[in-house]
């Protein structure tokens, strides 16, 4: 599947960044962007710097020589958690976490209550899979920066919530 090769390459690139500061790789660029992000977060921890203002701060850090200029090829930090912290501060990160964890906890509670109901178990497992996918995918990508991935999340969650609600009403 190529997964092992990608993991090996990521480890090699990360090691190269740590040892030599090489930022012109996928992993190196992300690490430089994250380094820049934490500098920006330290300056604006509560409310962040606002939407789409990361690049302006990143440019300043490049000019000061604090991060590699290769990172300037990217307009956002490539991680939804970090992007939330940079742009909306702790308040934005908490809101983002609620968007992810509220449905996951909702589905988890339904699974605990209806462990032996096959139809609901399939629906709730589907909802949890979508939520967990976004939870992990958000570490290295700005998933809600793109309209298509945002719509996918919302539409599928609404459909799954609706089907679960519909099934609970038909039982009564």
Protein backbone atom coordinates (compact mmCIF):
# COMPACT_ATOMS: atom_id res chain seq x y z
CA UNK A 1 0.00 0.00 0.00
CA UNK A 2 2.99 2.32 0.29
CA UNK A 3 2.20 3.23 3.90
CA UNK A 4 5.48 1.85 5.22
CA UNK A 5 7.43 3.83 2.60
CA UNK A 6 5.63 7.05 3.57
CA UNK A 7 6.29 6.45 7.26
CA UNK A 8 9.98 5.72 6.56
CA UNK A 9 10.24 8.89 4.45
CA UNK A 10 8.54 10.98 7.14
CA UNK A 11 10.95 9.64 9.77
CA UNK A 12 13.93 10.30 7.51
CA UNK A 13 12.74 13.85 6.74
CA UNK A 14 12.02 14.58 10.40
CA UNK A 15 15.45 13.32 11.43
CA UNK A 16 17.01 15.47 8.72
CA UNK A 17 15.12 18.53 10.01
CA UNK A 18 16.17 17.87 13.61
CA UNK A 19 19.82 17.22 12.78
CA UNK A 20 20.42 19.62 9.87
CA UNK A 21 17.48 22.01 9.86
CA UNK A 22 16.47 20.76 6.39
CA UNK A 23 13.03 22.25 5.79
CA UNK A 24 12.55 21.59 2.06
CA UNK A 25 10.69 18.32 2.61
CA UNK A 26 7.07 17.61 3.50
CA UNK A 27 7.89 16.85 7.13
CA UNK A 28 10.50 19.60 7.40
CA UNK A 29 8.11 22.24 6.04
CA UNK A 30 5.37 21.17 8.47
CA UNK A 31 7.76 21.29 11.40
CA UNK A 32 8.89 24.79 10.38
CA UNK A 33 5.27 25.92 10.04
CA UNK A 34 4.44 24.46 13.44
CA UNK A 35 7.50 26.17 14.92
CA UNK A 36 6.28 29.47 13.46
CA UNK A 37 2.78 28.78 14.75
CA UNK A 38 3.95 28.33 18.31
CA UNK A 39 5.81 31.64 18.11
CA UNK A 40 2.59 33.32 16.97
CA UNK A 41 0.51 31.51 19.61
CA UNK A 42 2.84 32.73 22.38
CA UNK A 43 2.09 36.32 21.32
CA UNK A 44 -1.70 35.83 21.02
CA UNK A 45 -2.80 32.87 23.16
CA UNK A 46 -6.40 33.76 24.06
CA UNK A 47 -8.03 35.14 20.91
CA UNK A 48 -5.40 34.41 18.24
CA UNK A 49 -4.44 36.60 15.29
CA UNK A 50 -7.67 36.27 13.29
CA UNK A 51 -8.68 34.41 10.17
CA UNK A 52 -6.07 34.19 7.41
CA UNK A 53 -3.47 36.25 9.31
CA UNK A 54 -1.02 33.40 9.85
CA UNK A 55 0.95 34.08 6.64
CA UNK A 56 1.61 37.69 7.66
CA UNK A 57 3.14 36.58 10.97
CA UNK A 58 5.00 33.74 9.31
CA UNK A 59 6.58 36.20 6.84
CA UNK A 60 7.78 38.33 9.75
CA UNK A 61 9.39 35.28 11.39
CA UNK A 62 11.11 34.37 8.12
CA UNK A 63 12.46 37.92 7.81
CA UNK A 64 13.77 37.70 11.38
CA UNK A 65 15.48 34.40 10.53
CA UNK A 66 13.52 32.45 13.13
CA UNK A 67 12.15 29.95 10.61
CA UNK A 68 13.31 28.67 7.23
CA UNK A 69 12.12 30.58 4.15
CA UNK A 70 10.85 27.33 2.59
CA UNK A 71 7.93 27.47 5.02
CA UNK A 72 6.86 30.70 3.32
CA UNK A 73 5.52 28.62 0.42
CA UNK A 74 2.55 27.65 2.59
CA UNK A 75 -0.29 29.92 3.72
CA UNK A 76 -1.49 27.97 6.78
CA UNK A 77 0.15 25.68 9.38
CA UNK A 78 -1.21 22.35 8.02
CA UNK A 79 -2.84 21.21 11.22
CA UNK A 80 -6.38 22.10 12.28
CA UNK A 81 -5.55 22.17 16.00
CA UNK A 82 -2.64 24.53 15.46
CA UNK A 83 -4.60 26.62 12.95
CA UNK A 84 -7.40 27.03 15.50
CA UNK A 85 -4.92 28.13 18.15
CA UNK A 86 -3.15 30.56 15.80
CA UNK A 87 -6.26 32.13 14.30
CA UNK A 88 -8.80 31.96 17.16
CA UNK A 89 -6.61 31.28 20.20
CA UNK A 90 -7.67 29.03 23.08
CA UNK A 91 -11.30 29.99 22.52
CA UNK A 92 -11.16 28.72 18.93
CA UNK A 93 -9.36 25.55 19.90
CA UNK A 94 -12.01 24.77 22.53
CA UNK A 95 -14.78 25.40 20.00
CA UNK A 96 -13.05 23.13 17.48
CA UNK A 97 -12.67 20.38 20.09
CA UNK A 98 -16.39 20.67 20.90
CA UNK A 99 -17.24 20.29 17.19
CA UNK A 100 -15.25 17.05 17.15
CA UNK A 101 -15.94 15.54 20.56
CA UNK A 102 -19.64 16.32 21.01
CA UNK A 103 -20.77 13.94 18.25
CA UNK A 104 -18.19 11.31 19.23
CA UNK A 105 -19.41 11.32 22.84
CA UNK A 106 -23.05 11.30 21.69
CA UNK A 107 -22.40 8.21 19.55
CA UNK A 108 -20.36 6.55 22.28
CA UNK A 109 -23.22 6.96 24.79
CA UNK A 110 -25.71 5.49 22.31
CA UNK A 111 -23.44 2.48 21.76
CA UNK A 112 -23.20 1.93 25.54
CA UNK A 113 -27.00 2.11 25.94
CA UNK A 114 -27.93 -0.01 22.92
CA UNK A 115 -25.07 -2.45 22.66
CA UNK A 116 -27.22 -5.25 21.30
CA UNK A 117 -29.30 -3.19 18.84
CA UNK A 118 -27.56 -4.00 15.54
CA UNK A 119 -29.20 -1.25 13.46
CA UNK A 120 -28.27 1.55 15.87
CA UNK A 121 -24.84 0.07 16.46
CA UNK A 122 -24.07 0.31 12.73
CA UNK A 123 -25.25 3.92 12.55
CA UNK A 124 -23.40 5.01 15.66
CA UNK A 125 -20.24 3.19 14.61
CA UNK A 126 -20.43 5.03 11.27
CA UNK A 127 -20.78 8.35 13.06
CA UNK A 128 -17.88 7.56 15.37
CA UNK A 129 -15.71 6.57 12.40
CA UNK A 130 -16.39 9.88 10.64
CA UNK A 131 -15.69 11.80 13.87
CA UNK A 132 -12.52 9.86 14.68
CA UNK A 133 -11.29 10.23 11.12
CA UNK A 134 -11.55 14.02 11.39
CA UNK A 135 -10.01 13.93 14.87
CA UNK A 136 -6.85 12.20 13.57
CA UNK A 137 -6.77 13.79 10.10
CA UNK A 138 -6.77 17.22 11.76
CA UNK A 139 -3.28 16.68 13.17
CA UNK A 140 -1.59 17.17 9.80
CA UNK A 141 -4.17 18.95 7.68
CA UNK A 142 -6.51 21.89 7.87
CA UNK A 143 -9.64 19.82 7.30
CA UNK A 144 -12.12 22.62 7.93
CA UNK A 145 -10.12 25.03 5.77
CA UNK A 146 -11.70 23.38 2.74
CA UNK A 147 -15.38 23.69 1.93
CA UNK A 148 -15.70 20.14 0.62
CA UNK A 149 -14.35 18.46 3.77
CA UNK A 150 -16.43 20.72 6.00
CA UNK A 151 -19.58 19.91 4.04
CA UNK A 152 -18.79 16.19 4.10
CA UNK A 153 -18.47 16.26 7.90
CA UNK A 154 -21.65 18.26 8.46
CA UNK A 155 -23.81 16.40 5.94
CA UNK A 156 -22.80 12.95 7.14
CA UNK A 157 -23.22 13.86 10.80
CA UNK A 158 -26.68 15.32 10.14
CA UNK A 159 -27.73 12.24 8.14
CA UNK A 160 -26.50 9.87 10.85
CA UNK A 161 -28.09 11.91 13.66
CA UNK A 162 -31.35 12.01 11.66
CA UNK A 163 -31.38 8.26 11.05
CA UNK A 164 -30.70 7.53 14.71
CA UNK A 165 -33.51 9.89 15.76
CA UNK A 166 -35.85 8.36 13.19
CA UNK A 167 -35.07 4.86 14.43
CA UNK A 168 -35.67 5.84 18.05
CA UNK A 169 -39.09 7.30 17.15
CA UNK A 170 -40.23 4.20 15.27
CA UNK A 171 -39.51 2.03 18.34
CA UNK A 172 -41.95 3.96 20.51
